[in-house]
Structures are given as structure tokens and as C-alpha cells.
Amino acid sequence: MITAEKLFKTLEGFVAMNISFDKKNGSPDKAILKARAANYGLIRNAIIGSDFITAQGLDKQYRKYEKKVDMEVAEIAARGNNGKM
């Protein structure tokens, strides 16, 4: 129930932010709506995934994996910059 409450509160804030943006800028176009839908999905996955990792006691394993991925991203970026980073 804690994860669900956290997710609900976060999405509630995100919706409020979007409503405020729309009041200021008018109705959103299809591109903005598509981006918002993607953001909702990312937020949902992040909150549920984070709580799952913690609940399963996988924090150390996750941090180790996260560092590995970060290093791989840095390597990819370096290749894209011809080694200039």
C-alpha cells in the first residue's frame, strides 16, 4: 500500500503541474500528450521498481549494476565524441 500511495501522490502532483501548464499555455497538442503519457509510464516504473528493489533487499546489487551501466553509457558517449569527454 505504501508504494501505491507514493505513486498516487506523485502522479497527482504531475497532473496538477500539467493542468497548471495548460491553463497558462492553452490546450496541449498531440505531441505534448504523447510525451506526458510516456512520462507517466516512466514515473510509474521508477516508483514501483525502486520500492521493489528496496523491499527485496536488492539495493547493493542494484547500485553495483547501476554503476556498470553508467560506465557503459560513458563509453558509448566517448565513442560518439571521438574519445573527447
Protein backbone atom coordinates (compact mmCIF):
# COMPACT_ATOMS: atom_id res chain seq x y z
CA MET A 1 0.00 0.00 0.00
CA ILE A 2 2.92 2.35 0.62
CA THR A 3 4.11 2.10 -2.98
CA ALA A 4 0.59 2.71 -4.28
CA GLU A 5 0.23 5.80 -2.08
CA LYS A 6 3.61 7.12 -3.19
CA LEU A 7 2.70 6.54 -6.84
CA PHE A 8 -0.72 8.16 -6.43
CA LYS A 9 0.70 11.28 -4.74
CA THR A 10 3.45 11.64 -7.33
CA LEU A 11 1.10 11.27 -10.28
CA GLU A 12 -1.40 13.60 -8.61
CA GLY A 13 1.33 16.25 -8.45
CA PHE A 14 2.33 15.60 -12.04
CA VAL A 15 -1.28 16.00 -13.19
CA ALA A 16 -1.60 19.24 -11.22
CA MET A 17 1.58 20.54 -12.84
CA ASN A 18 0.23 19.68 -16.29
CA ILE A 19 -3.11 21.35 -15.58
CA SER A 20 -1.29 24.49 -14.48
CA PHE A 21 0.82 24.41 -17.65
CA ASP A 22 -2.31 24.00 -19.79
CA LYS A 23 -4.07 26.91 -18.08
CA LYS A 24 -1.09 29.10 -18.86
CA ASN A 25 -0.41 27.85 -22.41
CA GLY A 26 -3.71 26.51 -23.71
CA SER A 27 -4.72 23.01 -24.72
CA PRO A 28 -1.80 20.66 -25.36
CA ASP A 29 -1.21 19.25 -28.81
CA LYS A 30 -0.78 15.56 -29.64
CA ALA A 31 3.00 15.68 -29.19
CA ILE A 32 2.70 17.04 -25.66
CA LEU A 33 0.03 14.48 -24.77
CA LYS A 34 2.23 11.69 -26.12
CA ALA A 35 5.20 12.95 -24.09
CA ARG A 36 3.06 13.16 -20.97
CA ALA A 37 1.86 9.59 -21.42
CA ALA A 38 5.46 8.44 -21.72
CA ASN A 39 6.39 10.42 -18.60
CA TYR A 40 3.54 8.84 -16.65
CA GLY A 41 4.87 5.42 -17.61
CA LEU A 42 8.42 6.31 -16.63
CA ILE A 43 7.32 7.73 -13.28
CA ARG A 44 5.20 4.66 -12.59
CA ASN A 45 8.03 2.26 -13.45
CA ALA A 46 10.56 4.24 -11.41
CA ILE A 47 8.48 4.30 -8.23
CA ILE A 48 7.34 0.69 -8.41
CA GLY A 49 10.81 -0.54 -9.41
CA SER A 50 12.55 1.43 -6.68
CA ASP A 51 10.24 0.15 -3.98
CA PHE A 52 10.53 -3.42 -5.30
CA ILE A 53 14.34 -3.26 -5.19
CA THR A 54 14.26 -1.98 -1.62
CA ALA A 55 11.58 -4.43 -0.47
CA GLN A 56 13.57 -7.36 -1.88
CA GLY A 57 16.80 -6.20 -0.23
CA LEU A 58 18.48 -5.76 -3.59
CA ASP A 59 19.89 -2.28 -3.02
CA LYS A 60 23.57 -3.32 -3.08
CA GLN A 61 23.11 -5.41 -6.21
CA TYR A 62 21.19 -2.59 -7.87
CA ARG A 63 23.86 0.02 -7.08
CA LYS A 64 26.56 -2.27 -8.47
CA TYR A 65 24.53 -2.81 -11.65
CA GLU A 66 23.78 0.91 -11.89
CA LYS A 67 27.50 1.77 -11.77
CA LYS A 68 28.20 -0.79 -14.50
CA VAL A 69 25.53 0.73 -16.74
CA ASP A 70 26.81 4.25 -16.04
CA MET A 71 30.30 3.20 -17.13
CA GLU A 72 28.91 1.66 -20.31
CA VAL A 73 26.98 4.85 -21.07
CA ALA A 74 30.17 6.86 -20.56
CA GLU A 75 31.98 4.56 -23.00
CA ILE A 76 29.23 4.99 -25.58
CA ALA A 77 29.30 8.78 -25.15
CA ALA A 78 33.08 8.80 -25.53
CA ARG A 79 32.81 6.88 -28.79
CA GLY A 80 30.25 9.39 -30.02
CA ASN A 81 32.60 12.25 -29.15
CA ASN A 82 35.58 10.58 -30.80
CA GLY A 83 37.07 9.95 -27.39
CA LYS A 84 36.63 13.56 -26.26
CA MET A 85 34.75 13.59 -23.00
